[in-house]
Amino acid sequence: MTSWQVVRIVAGSFILLSLALGIPGSPLFVSQWWLAFTAFVGVNLLQSGLTKWCLMESLLRKMGIQPGC
């Protein structure tokens, strides 16, 4: 698995988890403040798409995960 795949899997998982914890109708609801985490992940995805740099991908590469296209 390449670093870009891991980044997308983690980002998608974080978004789904924070939505489950932040939407009042969810059985896992904790607080609506979890929706701020969803926005944080979205902003980071937008930033990495515009700048072609992602901190998480850089960290994954340092941990030995193969870079990908």
PDB file of N, CA and C in Angstrom:
ATOM      1  N   MET A   1       0.858  -1.167   0.000  1.00  0.00           N
ATOM      2  CA  MET A   1       0.000   0.000   0.000  1.00  0.00           C
ATOM      3  C   MET A   1       0.909   1.235   0.000  1.00  0.00           C
ATOM      4  N   THR A   2       0.541   2.217  -0.769  1.00  0.00           N
ATOM      5  CA  THR A   2       1.366   3.419  -0.882  1.00  0.00           C
ATOM      6  C   THR A   2       0.873   4.506   0.085  1.00  0.00           C
ATOM      7  N   SER A   3       1.726   5.517   0.270  1.00  0.00           N
ATOM      8  CA  SER A   3       1.416   6.577   1.238  1.00  0.00           C
ATOM      9  C   SER A   3       0.137   7.329   0.878  1.00  0.00           C
ATOM     10  N   TRP A   4      -0.094   7.584  -0.410  1.00  0.00           N
ATOM     11  CA  TRP A   4      -1.305   8.331  -0.770  1.00  0.00           C
ATOM     12  C   TRP A   4      -2.554   7.512  -0.484  1.00  0.00           C
ATOM     13  N   GLN A   5      -2.460   6.181  -0.607  1.00  0.00           N
ATOM     14  CA  GLN A   5      -3.610   5.339  -0.293  1.00  0.00           C
ATOM     15  C   GLN A   5      -3.898   5.360   1.211  1.00  0.00           C
ATOM     16  N   VAL A   6      -2.839   5.294   2.015  1.00  0.00           N
ATOM     17  CA  VAL A   6      -3.018   5.320   3.471  1.00  0.00           C
ATOM     18  C   VAL A   6      -3.626   6.655   3.903  1.00  0.00           C
ATOM     19  N   VAL A   7      -3.145   7.755   3.324  1.00  0.00           N
ATOM     20  CA  VAL A   7      -3.679   9.081   3.661  1.00  0.00           C
ATOM     21  C   VAL A   7      -5.174   9.134   3.379  1.00  0.00           C
ATOM     22  N   ARG A   8      -5.592   8.649   2.246  1.00  0.00           N
ATOM     23  CA  ARG A   8      -7.015   8.702   1.877  1.00  0.00           C
ATOM     24  C   ARG A   8      -7.868   7.787   2.745  1.00  0.00           C
ATOM     25  N   ILE A   9      -7.334   6.616   3.096  1.00  0.00           N
ATOM     26  CA  ILE A   9      -8.069   5.697   3.971  1.00  0.00           C
ATOM     27  C   ILE A   9      -8.238   6.316   5.360  1.00  0.00           C
ATOM     28  N   VAL A  10      -7.164   6.889   5.892  1.00  0.00           N
ATOM     29  CA  VAL A  10      -7.232   7.507   7.220  1.00  0.00           C
ATOM     30  C   VAL A  10      -8.164   8.718   7.199  1.00  0.00           C
ATOM     31  N   ALA A  11      -8.049   9.565   6.172  1.00  0.00           N
ATOM     32  CA  ALA A  11      -8.909  10.752   6.078  1.00  0.00           C
ATOM     33  C   ALA A  11     -10.383  10.344   5.981  1.00  0.00           C
ATOM     34  N   GLY A  12     -10.676   9.375   5.143  1.00  0.00           N
ATOM     35  CA  GLY A  12     -12.056   8.904   5.021  1.00  0.00           C
ATOM     36  C   GLY A  12     -12.590   8.324   6.317  1.00  0.00           C
ATOM     37  N   SER A  13     -11.752   7.570   7.004  1.00  0.00           N
ATOM     38  CA  SER A  13     -12.155   6.986   8.290  1.00  0.00           C
ATOM     39  C   SER A  13     -12.404   8.071   9.334  1.00  0.00           C
ATOM     40  N   PHE A  14     -11.504   9.079   9.383  1.00  0.00           N
ATOM     41  CA  PHE A  14     -11.689  10.181  10.323  1.00  0.00           C
ATOM     42  C   PHE A  14     -12.976  10.951  10.045  1.00  0.00           C
ATOM     43  N   ILE A  15     -13.271  11.187   8.780  1.00  0.00           N
ATOM     44  CA  ILE A  15     -14.487  11.914   8.424  1.00  0.00           C
ATOM     45  C   ILE A  15     -15.722  11.134   8.847  1.00  0.00           C
ATOM     46  N   LEU A  16     -15.756   9.843   8.525  1.00  0.00           N
ATOM     47  CA  LEU A  16     -16.925   9.037   8.890  1.00  0.00           C
ATOM     48  C   LEU A  16     -17.084   8.930  10.407  1.00  0.00           C
ATOM     49  N   LEU A  17     -15.976   8.748  11.117  1.00  0.00           N
ATOM     50  CA  LEU A  17     -16.043   8.651  12.575  1.00  0.00           C
ATOM     51  C   LEU A  17     -16.500   9.962  13.199  1.00  0.00           C
ATOM     52  N   SER A  18     -15.941  11.081  12.737  1.00  0.00           N
ATOM     53  CA  SER A  18     -16.328  12.366  13.331  1.00  0.00           C
ATOM     54  C   SER A  18     -17.772  12.723  12.991  1.00  0.00           C
ATOM     55  N   LEU A  19     -18.256  12.316  11.840  1.00  0.00           N
ATOM     56  CA  LEU A  19     -19.675  12.525  11.525  1.00  0.00           C
ATOM     57  C   LEU A  19     -20.558  11.682  12.447  1.00  0.00           C
ATOM     58  N   ALA A  20     -20.147  10.433  12.675  1.00  0.00           N
ATOM     59  CA  ALA A  20     -20.922   9.561  13.565  1.00  0.00           C
ATOM     60  C   ALA A  20     -20.960  10.121  14.984  1.00  0.00           C
ATOM     61  N   LEU A  21     -19.867  10.751  15.419  1.00  0.00           N
ATOM     62  CA  LEU A  21     -19.806  11.306  16.769  1.00  0.00           C
ATOM     63  C   LEU A  21     -20.421  12.701  16.874  1.00  0.00           C
ATOM     64  N   GLY A  22     -20.618  13.378  15.727  1.00  0.00           N
ATOM     65  CA  GLY A  22     -21.063  14.763  15.761  1.00  0.00           C
ATOM     66  C   GLY A  22     -22.478  15.040  15.308  1.00  0.00           C
ATOM     67  N   ILE A  23     -23.141  14.072  14.694  1.00  0.00           N
ATOM     68  CA  ILE A  23     -24.512  14.286  14.217  1.00  0.00           C
ATOM     69  C   ILE A  23     -25.495  13.806  15.291  1.00  0.00           C
ATOM     70  N   PRO A  24     -26.381  14.685  15.754  1.00  0.00           N
ATOM     71  CA  PRO A  24     -27.277  14.343  16.860  1.00  0.00           C
ATOM     72  C   PRO A  24     -28.114  13.077  16.651  1.00  0.00           C
ATOM     73  N   GLY A  25     -28.466  12.736  15.438  1.00  0.00           N
ATOM     74  CA  GLY A  25     -29.288  11.547  15.206  1.00  0.00           C
ATOM     75  C   GLY A  25     -28.520  10.238  15.254  1.00  0.00           C
ATOM     76  N   SER A  26     -27.209  10.304  15.352  1.00  0.00           N
ATOM     77  CA  SER A  26     -26.372   9.109  15.344  1.00  0.00           C
ATOM     78  C   SER A  26     -26.419   8.386  16.690  1.00  0.00           C
ATOM     79  N   PRO A  27     -26.402   7.058  16.666  1.00  0.00           N
ATOM     80  CA  PRO A  27     -26.372   6.330  17.946  1.00  0.00           C
ATOM     81  C   PRO A  27     -25.041   6.514  18.694  1.00  0.00           C
ATOM     82  N   LEU A  28     -24.017   7.007  18.015  1.00  0.00           N
ATOM     83  CA  LEU A  28     -22.709   7.240  18.631  1.00  0.00           C
ATOM     84  C   LEU A  28     -22.495   8.700  19.018  1.00  0.00           C
ATOM     85  N   PHE A  29     -23.538   9.522  18.915  1.00  0.00           N
ATOM     86  CA  PHE A  29     -23.421  10.964  19.141  1.00  0.00           C
ATOM     87  C   PHE A  29     -22.775  11.285  20.485  1.00  0.00           C
ATOM     88  N   VAL A  30     -21.796  12.195  20.448  1.00  0.00           N
ATOM     89  CA  VAL A  30     -21.140  12.684  21.658  1.00  0.00           C
ATOM     90  C   VAL A  30     -21.345  14.190  21.784  1.00  0.00           C
ATOM     91  N   SER A  31     -20.927  14.923  20.736  1.00  0.00           N
ATOM     92  CA  SER A  31     -21.026  16.377  20.753  1.00  0.00           C
ATOM     93  C   SER A  31     -20.948  16.888  19.320  1.00  0.00           C
ATOM     94  N   GLN A  32     -21.631  17.997  19.057  1.00  0.00           N
ATOM     95  CA  GLN A  32     -21.565  18.581  17.712  1.00  0.00           C
ATOM     96  C   GLN A  32     -20.184  19.155  17.406  1.00  0.00           C
ATOM     97  N   TRP A  33     -19.350  19.315  18.411  1.00  0.00           N
ATOM     98  CA  TRP A  33     -17.990  19.818  18.193  1.00  0.00           C
ATOM     99  C   TRP A  33     -17.146  18.845  17.382  1.00  0.00           C
ATOM    100  N   TRP A  34     -17.563  17.582  17.288  1.00  0.00           N
ATOM    101  CA  TRP A  34     -16.846  16.629  16.443  1.00  0.00           C
ATOM    102  C   TRP A  34     -16.923  17.029  14.975  1.00  0.00           C
ATOM    103  N   LEU A  35     -17.927  17.821  14.614  1.00  0.00           N
ATOM    104  CA  LEU A  35     -18.035  18.281  13.224  1.00  0.00           C
ATOM    105  C   LEU A  35     -16.897  19.232  12.870  1.00  0.00           C
ATOM    106  N   ALA A  36     -16.311  19.895  13.859  1.00  0.00           N
ATOM    107  CA  ALA A  36     -15.134  20.736  13.616  1.00  0.00           C
ATOM    108  C   ALA A  36     -13.963  19.874  13.148  1.00  0.00           C
ATOM    109  N   PHE A  37     -13.859  18.656  13.656  1.00  0.00           N
ATOM    110  CA  PHE A  37     -12.809  17.745  13.208  1.00  0.00           C
ATOM    111  C   PHE A  37     -13.027  17.344  11.752  1.00  0.00           C
ATOM    112  N   THR A  38     -14.282  17.153  11.367  1.00  0.00           N
ATOM    113  CA  THR A  38     -14.609  16.876   9.971  1.00  0.00           C
ATOM    114  C   THR A  38     -14.139  18.024   9.087  1.00  0.00           C
ATOM    115  N   ALA A  39     -14.399  19.253   9.500  1.00  0.00           N
ATOM    116  CA  ALA A  39     -13.959  20.422   8.743  1.00  0.00           C
ATOM    117  C   ALA A  39     -12.436  20.496   8.688  1.00  0.00           C
ATOM    118  N   PHE A  40     -11.755  20.178   9.779  1.00  0.00           N
ATOM    119  CA  PHE A  40     -10.292  20.181   9.813  1.00  0.00           C
ATOM    120  C   PHE A  40      -9.717  19.211   8.787  1.00  0.00           C
ATOM    121  N   VAL A  41     -10.259  18.016   8.727  1.00  0.00           N
ATOM    122  CA  VAL A  41      -9.791  17.028   7.749  1.00  0.00           C
ATOM    123  C   VAL A  41     -10.055  17.526   6.330  1.00  0.00           C
ATOM    124  N   GLY A  42     -11.227  18.088   6.096  1.00  0.00           N
ATOM    125  CA  GLY A  42     -11.554  18.621   4.778  1.00  0.00           C
ATOM    126  C   GLY A  42     -10.631  19.742   4.356  1.00  0.00           C
ATOM    127  N   VAL A  43     -10.314  20.643   5.272  1.00  0.00           N
ATOM    128  CA  VAL A  43      -9.396  21.747   4.970  1.00  0.00           C
ATOM    129  C   VAL A  43      -8.005  21.203   4.638  1.00  0.00           C
ATOM    130  N   ASN A  44      -7.558  20.204   5.370  1.00  0.00           N
ATOM    131  CA  ASN A  44      -6.253  19.613   5.086  1.00  0.00           C
ATOM    132  C   ASN A  44      -6.227  18.913   3.733  1.00  0.00           C
ATOM    133  N   LEU A  45      -7.303  18.240   3.371  1.00  0.00           N
ATOM    134  CA  LEU A  45      -7.373  17.621   2.045  1.00  0.00           C
ATOM    135  C   LEU A  45      -7.346  18.679   0.944  1.00  0.00           C
ATOM    136  N   LEU A  46      -8.072  19.770   1.148  1.00  0.00           N
ATOM    137  CA  LEU A  46      -8.074  20.867   0.184  1.00  0.00           C
ATOM    138  C   LEU A  46      -6.678  21.478   0.060  1.00  0.00           C
ATOM    139  N   GLN A  47      -6.039  21.748   1.183  1.00  0.00           N
ATOM    140  CA  GLN A  47      -4.690  22.318   1.180  1.00  0.00           C
ATOM    141  C   GLN A  47      -3.707  21.404   0.464  1.00  0.00           C
ATOM    142  N   SER A  48      -3.766  20.104   0.724  1.00  0.00           N
ATOM    143  CA  SER A  48      -2.822  19.191   0.076  1.00  0.00           C
ATOM    144  C   SER A  48      -3.079  19.083  -1.419  1.00  0.00           C
ATOM    145  N   GLY A  49      -4.316  19.224  -1.821  1.00  0.00           N
ATOM    146  CA  GLY A  49      -4.629  19.200  -3.249  1.00  0.00           C
ATOM    147  C   GLY A  49      -4.131  20.439  -3.976  1.00  0.00           C
ATOM    148  N   LEU A  50      -4.162  21.577  -3.296  1.00  0.00           N
ATOM    149  CA  LEU A  50      -3.722  22.831  -3.910  1.00  0.00           C
ATOM    150  C   LEU A  50      -2.202  23.004  -3.878  1.00  0.00           C
ATOM    151  N   THR A  51      -1.561  22.552  -2.802  1.00  0.00           N
ATOM    152  CA  THR A  51      -0.122  22.777  -2.656  1.00  0.00           C
ATOM    153  C   THR A  51       0.717  21.564  -3.042  1.00  0.00           C
ATOM    154  N   LYS A  52       0.073  20.415  -3.224  1.00  0.00           N
ATOM    155  CA  LYS A  52       0.758  19.152  -3.528  1.00  0.00           C
ATOM    156  C   LYS A  52       1.704  18.741  -2.408  1.00  0.00           C
ATOM    157  N   TRP A  53       1.400  19.135  -1.164  1.00  0.00           N
ATOM    158  CA  TRP A  53       2.167  18.733   0.011  1.00  0.00           C
ATOM    159  C   TRP A  53       1.203  18.339   1.117  1.00  0.00           C
ATOM    160  N   CYS A  54       1.482  17.217   1.750  1.00  0.00           N
ATOM    161  CA  CYS A  54       0.635  16.720   2.828  1.00  0.00           C
ATOM    162  C   CYS A  54       1.529  16.271   3.979  1.00  0.00           C
ATOM    163  N   LEU A  55       1.329  16.847   5.162  1.00  0.00           N
ATOM    164  CA  LEU A  55       2.141  16.510   6.320  1.00  0.00           C
ATOM    165  C   LEU A  55       2.039  15.022   6.655  1.00  0.00           C
ATOM    166  N   MET A  56       0.829  14.476   6.639  1.00  0.00           N
ATOM    167  CA  MET A  56       0.661  13.073   6.993  1.00  0.00           C
ATOM    168  C   MET A  56       1.414  12.171   6.017  1.00  0.00           C
ATOM    169  N   GLU A  57       1.382  12.504   4.744  1.00  0.00           N
ATOM    170  CA  GLU A  57       2.099  11.697   3.757  1.00  0.00           C
ATOM    171  C   GLU A  57       3.608  11.773   4.001  1.00  0.00           C
ATOM    172  N   SER A  58       4.097  12.943   4.362  1.00  0.00           N
ATOM    173  CA  SER A  58       5.523  13.091   4.684  1.00  0.00           C
ATOM    174  C   SER A  58       5.896  12.234   5.890  1.00  0.00           C
ATOM    175  N   LEU A  59       5.040  12.217   6.909  1.00  0.00           N
ATOM    176  CA  LEU A  59       5.296  11.401   8.092  1.00  0.00           C
ATOM    177  C   LEU A  59       5.256   9.907   7.758  1.00  0.00           C
ATOM    178  N   LEU A  60       4.323   9.507   6.928  1.00  0.00           N
ATOM    179  CA  LEU A  60       4.219   8.102   6.525  1.00  0.00           C
ATOM    180  C   LEU A  60       5.459   7.661   5.756  1.00  0.00           C
ATOM    181  N   ARG A  61       5.967   8.518   4.892  1.00  0.00           N
ATOM    182  CA  ARG A  61       7.180   8.190   4.144  1.00  0.00           C
ATOM    183  C   ARG A  61       8.370   8.018   5.083  1.00  0.00           C
ATOM    184  N   LYS A  62       8.459   8.847   6.120  1.00  0.00           N
ATOM    185  CA  LYS A  62       9.541   8.715   7.104  1.00  0.00           C
ATOM    186  C   LYS A  62       9.408   7.421   7.903  1.00  0.00           C
ATOM    187  N   MET A  63       8.178   6.921   8.016  1.00  0.00           N
ATOM    188  CA  MET A  63       7.943   5.663   8.722  1.00  0.00           C
ATOM    189  C   MET A  63       8.183   4.460   7.816  1.00  0.00           C
ATOM    190  N   GLY A  64       8.537   4.706   6.559  1.00  0.00           N
ATOM    191  CA  GLY A  64       8.875   3.610   5.663  1.00  0.00           C
ATOM    192  C   GLY A  64       7.804   3.189   4.688  1.00  0.00           C
ATOM    193  N   ILE A  65       6.665   3.869   4.685  1.00  0.00           N
ATOM    194  CA  ILE A  65       5.612   3.556   3.716  1.00  0.00           C
ATOM    195  C   ILE A  65       6.063   4.037   2.342  1.00  0.00           C
ATOM    196  N   GLN A  66       5.855   3.205   1.336  1.00  0.00           N
ATOM    197  CA  GLN A  66       6.273   3.544  -0.021  1.00  0.00           C
ATOM    198  C   GLN A  66       5.503   4.730  -0.565  1.00  0.00           C
ATOM    199  N   PRO A  67       6.218   5.679  -1.207  1.00  0.00           N
ATOM    200  CA  PRO A  67       5.501   6.795  -1.863  1.00  0.00           C
ATOM    201  C   PRO A  67       4.738   6.274  -3.076  1.00  0.00           C
ATOM    202  N   GLY A  68       3.679   6.955  -3.442  1.00  0.00           N
ATOM    203  CA  GLY A  68       2.878   6.546  -4.592  1.00  0.00           C
ATOM    204  C   GLY A  68       2.488   7.732  -5.437  1.00  0.00           C
ATOM    205  N   CYS A  69       2.017   7.443  -6.631  1.00  0.00           N
ATOM    206  CA  CYS A  69       1.600   8.500  -7.555  1.00  0.00           C
ATOM    207  C   CYS A  69       0.157   8.847  -7.354  1.00  0.00           C
TER     208      CYS A  69
END
